[in-house]
Amino acid sequence: MAALAVLALAVACTSAASEPDADAPDGAAPNQHAIPATATMIGRVDLAAILADDAVADLLGALPSDGETPSSLEDALAMVQGETGIDPAQVTDIVLFATGSDEDGLGLILSGTLVLDELVAAVEGAQGKTATVEDVFGTDVYTFAPGASGEDDDFSLAALSDGRVVAGGTGAVRASVTVDAGEAQAVSGELVDRLDALGTPWLSLVADVTASDVGKLMGPDGMLGDDGPLGAFGGELPIDLSAFADVRTLSLALDRAGNDFIANAEIGFGTADGATRAAAMIDGFTSLFKAFVPDPTLLSFLDGLDVAATGADLSVDFTIATGEATKLVGNLLNIASQEIEFSLPDFQ
């Protein structure tokens, strides 16, 4: 659970390798030239490799058939297409970026066999909305307004000059199109170098984190806040999540290596004390959590977790055999379906 908190932090503060792009501006890495220089998070997803892997299909096959949760890869793909209009099977890889901490600044650049006109029609059919069209430096940007409840942000689509499709928040899509038209600078420098250093795993992501980002995560309603999904749980145990208030950079990689799923999170802190406190918190919570599970053998997968602090950097590595991962999903779902009661000691 502590490892999940770290990975959730990495994602919340937020491809396959391709042939060099001759049209990319100077200083921009291949397939990243349409990402604006204001991006604070960039990543890649090798979707084709993920969908083609039998181990992923086995994981989804371990889910229960309850009519709401996909219990096979085919069900999952159909659910995504039914809700969004986008057929994942037509996407080979994704470049993702964020220019802020809200959904309007999140964008996805999709490579594959998508055709924009067909995609717009499919999204209109799936969402029951008609897109408005805006010209941004000679490129049509199709925007779907929020629903009647006002809970959703605008969602936009556009085709880039190299045939890829950019989708996401309207602000992010406009920014990407502007860069693609040569009217703004593309991302380059240290952030891109960090992403390239991760190689080409299934998923790679890097981010620069501000005090404001951490504040939102650890605020009352944030993921790590007192009322958040992870913070609320931690409130029952002697866990000090304040160590993560000092986070400055994040790097995340997920992949399949041989018979194992592997994950790595590299977290840079403002001080060595922050990294040391975070490592101690994860180690302590992992041991404590094992002690309170009815059958500790069900959590033997945590033996694959390695946490180490070096200076101001924290490394979290996790490895699990693909077969063990499938059994783990079934075991955890079995635990979740039972009424298990146990009391925690008074730590006051």
Protein backbone atom coordinates (compact mmCIF):
# COMPACT_ATOMS: atom_id res chain seq x y z
CA MET A 1 0.00 0.00 0.00
CA ALA A 2 2.85 2.38 0.75
CA ALA A 3 4.34 1.62 -2.66
CA LEU A 4 0.96 2.36 -4.23
CA ALA A 5 0.94 5.72 -2.49
CA VAL A 6 4.31 6.56 -4.02
CA LEU A 7 3.24 5.50 -7.50
CA ALA A 8 -0.05 7.38 -7.12
CA LEU A 9 1.90 10.48 -6.16
CA ALA A 10 4.02 10.09 -9.28
CA VAL A 11 1.04 9.78 -11.55
CA ALA A 12 -1.01 12.47 -9.89
CA CYS A 13 1.73 15.06 -10.20
CA THR A 14 1.67 14.43 -13.67
CA SER A 15 5.70 5.07 -25.58
CA ALA A 16 7.32 3.36 -27.65
CA ALA A 17 10.45 4.63 -29.37
CA SER A 18 9.92 5.79 -32.95
CA GLU A 19 11.89 6.77 -35.98
CA PRO A 20 13.46 10.25 -35.80
CA ASP A 21 11.09 13.01 -36.87
CA ALA A 22 12.66 15.17 -39.54
CA ASP A 23 10.17 17.96 -38.85
CA ALA A 24 11.00 18.27 -35.16
CA PRO A 25 12.37 21.72 -34.22
CA ASP A 26 15.99 22.00 -33.08
CA GLY A 27 16.39 20.80 -29.48
CA ALA A 28 13.19 18.76 -29.46
CA ALA A 29 13.44 15.00 -29.08
CA PRO A 30 11.75 12.80 -31.71
CA ASN A 31 7.99 12.44 -31.25
CA GLN A 32 7.97 15.23 -28.66
CA HIS A 33 8.04 18.24 -30.96
CA ALA A 34 4.34 19.01 -30.40
CA ILE A 35 4.72 19.22 -26.62
CA PRO A 36 4.86 22.84 -25.39
CA ALA A 37 7.88 24.15 -23.52
CA THR A 38 5.59 24.94 -20.58
CA ALA A 39 5.09 21.21 -19.89
CA THR A 40 6.02 20.12 -16.37
CA MET A 41 5.23 16.45 -17.01
CA ILE A 42 5.94 14.31 -20.08
CA GLY A 43 5.67 10.60 -20.68
CA ARG A 44 5.36 7.76 -23.18
CA VAL A 45 3.14 4.67 -23.33
CA ASP A 46 3.86 1.70 -25.61
CA LEU A 47 0.21 0.74 -25.89
CA ALA A 48 0.70 -1.77 -28.69
CA ALA A 49 3.17 -3.79 -26.58
CA ILE A 50 0.88 -3.69 -23.55
CA LEU A 51 -2.19 -4.86 -25.45
CA ALA A 52 -0.23 -7.63 -27.20
CA ASP A 53 1.13 -9.12 -23.96
CA ASP A 54 -0.59 -12.31 -22.76
CA ALA A 55 0.27 -11.46 -19.14
CA VAL A 56 -1.90 -8.33 -19.34
CA ALA A 57 -4.79 -10.39 -20.69
CA ASP A 58 -4.30 -12.85 -17.82
CA LEU A 59 -4.44 -10.03 -15.27
CA LEU A 60 -7.70 -8.72 -16.67
CA GLY A 61 -9.03 -12.26 -16.84
CA ALA A 62 -8.59 -12.53 -13.06
CA LEU A 63 -11.14 -9.78 -12.49
CA PRO A 64 -14.70 -10.81 -11.54
CA SER A 65 -17.49 -10.74 -14.11
CA ASP A 66 -19.83 -8.33 -12.32
CA GLY A 67 -21.11 -6.46 -15.36
CA GLU A 68 -19.25 -3.29 -14.41
CA THR A 69 -15.59 -4.35 -14.25
CA PRO A 70 -14.01 -5.67 -17.49
CA SER A 71 -13.10 -9.32 -17.00
CA SER A 72 -11.07 -9.69 -20.19
CA LEU A 73 -8.89 -7.59 -22.45
CA GLU A 74 -11.64 -7.57 -25.04
CA ASP A 75 -14.13 -6.26 -22.47
CA ALA A 76 -11.73 -3.53 -21.40
CA LEU A 77 -11.14 -2.35 -24.98
CA ALA A 78 -14.88 -2.37 -25.69
CA MET A 79 -15.58 -0.39 -22.51
CA VAL A 80 -13.06 2.31 -23.43
CA GLN A 81 -14.43 2.59 -26.95
CA GLY A 82 -18.03 2.67 -25.74
CA GLU A 83 -17.41 5.45 -23.23
CA THR A 84 -15.00 7.61 -25.25
CA GLY A 85 -15.47 6.69 -28.90
CA ILE A 86 -11.73 5.98 -29.18
CA ASP A 87 -10.74 2.45 -30.20
CA PRO A 88 -7.54 1.60 -28.26
CA ALA A 89 -6.70 -1.05 -30.86
CA GLN A 90 -6.11 1.80 -33.34
CA VAL A 91 -3.49 3.41 -31.08
CA THR A 92 0.07 2.08 -31.09
CA ASP A 93 1.78 4.54 -28.78
CA ILE A 94 0.99 7.62 -26.73
CA VAL A 95 3.02 10.66 -25.76
CA LEU A 96 1.47 12.43 -22.78
CA PHE A 97 2.14 15.82 -21.27
CA ALA A 98 0.78 18.25 -18.71
CA THR A 99 1.21 22.01 -18.54
CA GLY A 100 -0.43 22.35 -15.14
CA SER A 101 -2.14 20.44 -12.37
CA ASP A 102 -5.70 20.57 -13.77
CA GLU A 103 -7.32 18.51 -16.53
CA ASP A 104 -7.34 21.38 -19.03
CA GLY A 105 -3.54 21.14 -19.23
CA LEU A 106 -3.38 17.37 -19.81
CA GLY A 107 -2.80 16.19 -23.38
CA LEU A 108 -2.27 12.88 -25.18
CA ILE A 109 -0.59 12.62 -28.58
CA LEU A 110 -1.77 9.41 -30.22
CA SER A 111 0.04 7.46 -32.95
CA GLY A 112 -1.62 4.68 -34.90
CA THR A 113 -4.33 4.34 -37.51
CA LEU A 114 -6.76 6.94 -36.15
CA VAL A 115 -8.47 9.19 -38.71
CA LEU A 116 -9.58 12.50 -37.18
CA ASP A 117 -12.92 12.84 -38.99
CA GLU A 118 -13.89 9.29 -38.05
CA LEU A 119 -12.71 9.83 -34.48
CA VAL A 120 -14.73 13.03 -34.07
CA ALA A 121 -17.84 11.25 -35.36
CA ALA A 122 -17.23 8.31 -33.00
CA VAL A 123 -16.77 10.58 -29.98
CA GLU A 124 -19.90 12.54 -30.89
CA GLY A 125 -21.82 9.27 -31.07
CA ALA A 126 -20.43 7.94 -27.80
CA GLN A 127 -20.97 11.14 -25.83
CA GLY A 128 -24.10 12.40 -27.51
CA LYS A 129 -22.53 15.80 -28.13
CA THR A 130 -21.64 17.79 -31.24
CA ALA A 131 -18.19 19.30 -31.37
CA THR A 132 -17.54 22.97 -32.03
CA VAL A 133 -14.69 23.79 -34.41
CA GLU A 134 -12.04 26.46 -33.92
CA ASP A 135 -9.17 27.37 -36.22
CA VAL A 136 -5.82 27.49 -34.40
CA PHE A 137 -3.01 28.57 -36.74
CA GLY A 138 -4.63 26.77 -39.67
CA THR A 139 -5.57 23.59 -37.78
CA ASP A 140 -9.14 22.66 -36.86
CA VAL A 141 -9.56 22.00 -33.15
CA TYR A 142 -12.74 20.09 -32.27
CA THR A 143 -14.04 20.77 -28.78
CA PHE A 144 -16.71 18.98 -26.77
CA ALA A 145 -18.29 21.15 -24.07
CA PRO A 146 -18.81 19.91 -20.49
CA GLY A 147 -21.92 17.92 -19.67
CA ALA A 148 -25.04 19.44 -18.15
CA SER A 149 -23.73 18.71 -14.66
CA GLY A 150 -20.70 20.89 -15.33
CA GLU A 151 -18.46 18.31 -13.66
CA ASP A 152 -16.40 17.55 -16.78
CA ASP A 153 -13.91 19.91 -18.42
CA ASP A 154 -13.81 20.70 -22.12
CA PHE A 155 -12.33 17.91 -24.25
CA SER A 156 -10.66 18.64 -27.59
CA LEU A 157 -9.21 16.80 -30.59
CA ALA A 158 -6.97 17.91 -33.45
CA ALA A 159 -4.70 16.41 -36.10
CA LEU A 160 -1.01 17.34 -36.06
CA SER A 161 1.06 17.93 -39.17
CA ASP A 162 2.66 14.47 -39.00
CA GLY A 163 -0.71 12.67 -38.90
CA ARG A 164 -0.85 12.02 -35.17
CA VAL A 165 -3.91 13.05 -33.18
CA VAL A 166 -3.70 15.19 -30.04
CA ALA A 167 -6.52 14.80 -27.52
CA GLY A 168 -7.19 16.11 -24.05
CA GLY A 169 -7.98 19.35 -22.27
CA THR A 170 -8.71 22.24 -24.60
CA GLY A 171 -5.80 24.27 -23.26
CA ALA A 172 -3.38 21.40 -23.83
CA VAL A 173 -4.62 20.69 -27.37
CA ARG A 174 -4.41 24.35 -28.38
CA ALA A 175 -0.90 24.57 -26.96
CA SER A 176 0.21 21.45 -28.83
CA VAL A 177 -1.23 22.69 -32.11
CA THR A 178 0.47 26.05 -31.60
CA VAL A 179 3.85 24.34 -31.15
CA ASP A 180 3.19 22.09 -34.16
CA ALA A 181 2.54 25.20 -36.27
CA GLY A 182 5.90 26.65 -35.24
CA GLU A 183 4.30 29.49 -33.28
CA ALA A 184 5.67 28.41 -29.87
CA GLN A 185 8.68 26.55 -28.51
CA ALA A 186 8.68 22.78 -27.98
CA VAL A 187 9.80 21.14 -24.75
CA SER A 188 13.52 20.46 -24.55
CA GLY A 189 16.36 20.28 -22.07
CA GLU A 190 16.57 18.53 -18.71
CA LEU A 191 12.99 17.21 -18.58
CA VAL A 192 13.36 15.52 -21.98
CA ASP A 193 16.79 14.18 -21.04
CA ARG A 194 15.33 12.53 -17.93
CA LEU A 195 12.60 10.88 -19.98
CA ASP A 196 15.05 9.62 -22.59
CA ALA A 197 17.25 8.18 -19.83
CA LEU A 198 14.41 5.83 -18.86
CA GLY A 199 14.66 4.06 -22.24
CA THR A 200 11.54 2.56 -23.84
CA PRO A 201 9.58 0.62 -21.20
CA TRP A 202 5.84 0.09 -21.41
CA LEU A 203 5.30 3.35 -19.58
CA SER A 204 7.72 6.11 -18.67
CA LEU A 205 6.96 9.45 -17.07
CA VAL A 206 8.92 12.36 -15.61
CA ALA A 207 7.69 15.47 -13.84
CA ASP A 208 8.88 18.57 -12.08
CA VAL A 209 6.86 19.10 -8.93
CA THR A 210 6.02 22.45 -7.38
CA ALA A 211 5.01 23.24 -3.82
CA SER A 212 1.54 24.02 -5.21
CA ASP A 213 1.26 20.52 -6.74
CA VAL A 214 2.18 18.88 -3.45
CA GLY A 215 -0.16 21.19 -1.59
CA LYS A 216 -3.10 20.05 -3.70
CA LEU A 217 -2.23 16.38 -3.18
CA MET A 218 -1.85 16.77 0.56
CA GLY A 219 -4.72 19.23 1.02
CA PRO A 220 -7.92 18.10 2.80
CA ASP A 221 -9.45 16.70 -0.43
CA GLY A 222 -6.22 15.64 -2.12
CA MET A 223 -5.18 12.04 -2.72
CA LEU A 224 -2.83 12.16 0.28
CA GLY A 225 -4.96 14.52 2.34
CA ASP A 226 -6.92 13.57 5.45
CA ASP A 227 -10.11 13.03 3.43
CA GLY A 228 -8.38 11.56 0.37
CA PRO A 229 -8.34 7.85 -0.59
CA LEU A 230 -4.82 7.27 0.71
CA GLY A 231 -4.63 9.94 3.38
CA ALA A 232 -7.84 8.76 5.05
CA PHE A 233 -6.42 5.25 5.39
CA GLY A 234 -3.14 6.55 6.69
CA GLY A 235 -4.99 8.54 9.32
CA GLU A 236 -5.72 5.29 11.15
CA LEU A 237 -2.02 4.43 11.40
CA PRO A 238 1.14 6.18 12.63
CA ILE A 239 2.16 7.39 9.18
CA ASP A 240 3.67 10.81 8.56
CA LEU A 241 3.05 11.70 4.92
CA SER A 242 4.51 15.16 5.45
CA ALA A 243 7.86 13.86 4.20
CA PHE A 244 6.44 14.03 0.68
CA ALA A 245 5.83 17.76 1.00
CA ASP A 246 9.50 18.15 0.02
CA VAL A 247 9.22 16.32 -3.34
CA ARG A 248 10.75 18.22 -6.28
CA THR A 249 11.07 15.72 -9.16
CA LEU A 250 9.51 12.41 -10.16
CA SER A 251 10.45 9.68 -12.63
CA LEU A 252 8.35 6.54 -13.15
CA ALA A 253 8.83 3.44 -15.31
CA LEU A 254 6.64 0.34 -15.68
CA ASP A 255 7.62 -2.61 -17.86
CA ARG A 256 7.68 -6.35 -18.43
CA ALA A 257 11.09 -8.03 -18.23
CA GLY A 258 11.13 -11.76 -18.93
CA ASN A 259 8.61 -13.35 -16.57
CA ASP A 260 8.37 -10.30 -14.30
CA PHE A 261 6.44 -7.06 -14.11
CA ILE A 262 8.77 -4.32 -12.89
CA ALA A 263 8.15 -0.80 -11.63
CA ASN A 264 10.53 1.92 -10.55
CA ALA A 265 9.89 5.35 -9.06
CA GLU A 266 12.74 7.81 -8.58
CA ILE A 267 11.76 10.74 -6.38
CA GLY A 268 13.94 13.77 -5.86
CA PHE A 269 13.51 15.74 -2.63
CA GLY A 270 14.61 19.22 -1.65
CA THR A 271 16.66 17.80 1.21
CA ALA A 272 18.26 14.50 2.18
CA ASP A 273 16.14 14.51 5.33
CA GLY A 274 12.98 14.40 3.24
CA ALA A 275 14.18 11.36 1.29
CA THR A 276 15.29 9.55 4.46
CA ARG A 277 11.97 10.22 6.22
CA ALA A 278 9.98 9.03 3.19
CA ALA A 279 12.00 5.79 2.97
CA ALA A 280 11.50 5.12 6.67
CA MET A 281 7.78 5.78 6.37
CA ILE A 282 7.39 3.30 3.50
CA ASP A 283 9.44 0.58 5.20
CA GLY A 284 7.63 1.01 8.50
CA PHE A 285 4.18 1.04 6.99
CA THR A 286 4.87 -2.02 4.84
CA SER A 287 5.91 -4.05 7.89
CA LEU A 288 2.94 -2.78 9.89
CA PHE A 289 0.47 -3.52 7.13
CA LYS A 290 1.70 -7.11 6.83
CA ALA A 291 1.13 -7.63 10.55
CA PHE A 292 -2.56 -6.72 10.34
CA VAL A 293 -3.57 -8.74 7.27
CA PRO A 294 -5.47 -11.93 8.26
CA ASP A 295 -3.18 -14.09 6.14
CA PRO A 296 0.26 -12.45 5.81
CA THR A 297 1.26 -14.91 3.07
CA LEU A 298 -1.16 -13.06 0.79
CA LEU A 299 1.20 -10.10 1.00
CA SER A 300 4.37 -12.00 0.18
CA PHE A 301 4.48 -9.95 -3.02
CA LEU A 302 5.83 -7.08 -0.90
CA ASP A 303 9.07 -9.04 -0.68
CA GLY A 304 9.69 -7.70 -4.18
CA LEU A 305 9.65 -4.13 -2.90
CA ASP A 306 12.98 -2.36 -2.43
CA VAL A 307 13.21 1.16 -1.01
CA ALA A 308 16.46 3.11 -0.72
CA ALA A 309 17.38 6.73 0.00
CA THR A 310 20.64 8.14 -1.34
CA GLY A 311 21.21 11.75 -0.46
CA ALA A 312 18.12 13.70 -1.52
CA ASP A 313 16.92 10.94 -3.86
CA LEU A 314 14.51 8.10 -3.07
CA SER A 315 14.32 4.96 -5.23
CA VAL A 316 11.34 2.60 -5.02
CA ASP A 317 11.66 -0.63 -7.03
CA PHE A 318 9.05 -3.35 -7.27
CA THR A 319 9.25 -6.70 -9.06
CA ILE A 320 6.63 -9.45 -9.25
CA ALA A 321 6.39 -12.54 -11.44
CA THR A 322 3.58 -12.32 -13.97
CA GLY A 323 1.95 -15.49 -12.63
CA GLU A 324 2.17 -14.19 -9.07
CA ALA A 325 0.63 -10.91 -10.17
CA THR A 326 -2.40 -12.72 -11.57
CA LYS A 327 -2.82 -14.70 -8.33
CA LEU A 328 -2.38 -11.50 -6.33
CA VAL A 329 -5.26 -9.82 -8.15
CA GLY A 330 -7.52 -12.76 -7.35
CA ASN A 331 -6.42 -12.89 -3.71
CA LEU A 332 -6.91 -9.18 -3.11
CA LEU A 333 -10.33 -9.25 -4.72
CA ASN A 334 -11.23 -12.21 -2.51
CA ILE A 335 -10.16 -10.25 0.58
CA ALA A 336 -12.10 -7.19 -0.55
CA SER A 337 -15.26 -9.25 -1.02
CA GLN A 338 -15.22 -10.51 2.57
CA GLU A 339 -16.27 -8.76 5.75
CA ILE A 340 -12.95 -8.72 7.62
CA GLU A 341 -12.88 -6.96 10.94
CA PHE A 342 -9.85 -6.29 13.07
CA SER A 343 -8.99 -3.51 15.46
CA LEU A 344 -5.91 -1.36 15.39
CA PRO A 345 -4.01 -0.61 18.57
CA ASP A 346 -4.25 2.83 20.09
CA PHE A 347 -1.17 4.67 18.87
CA GLN A 348 -1.95 7.83 20.82
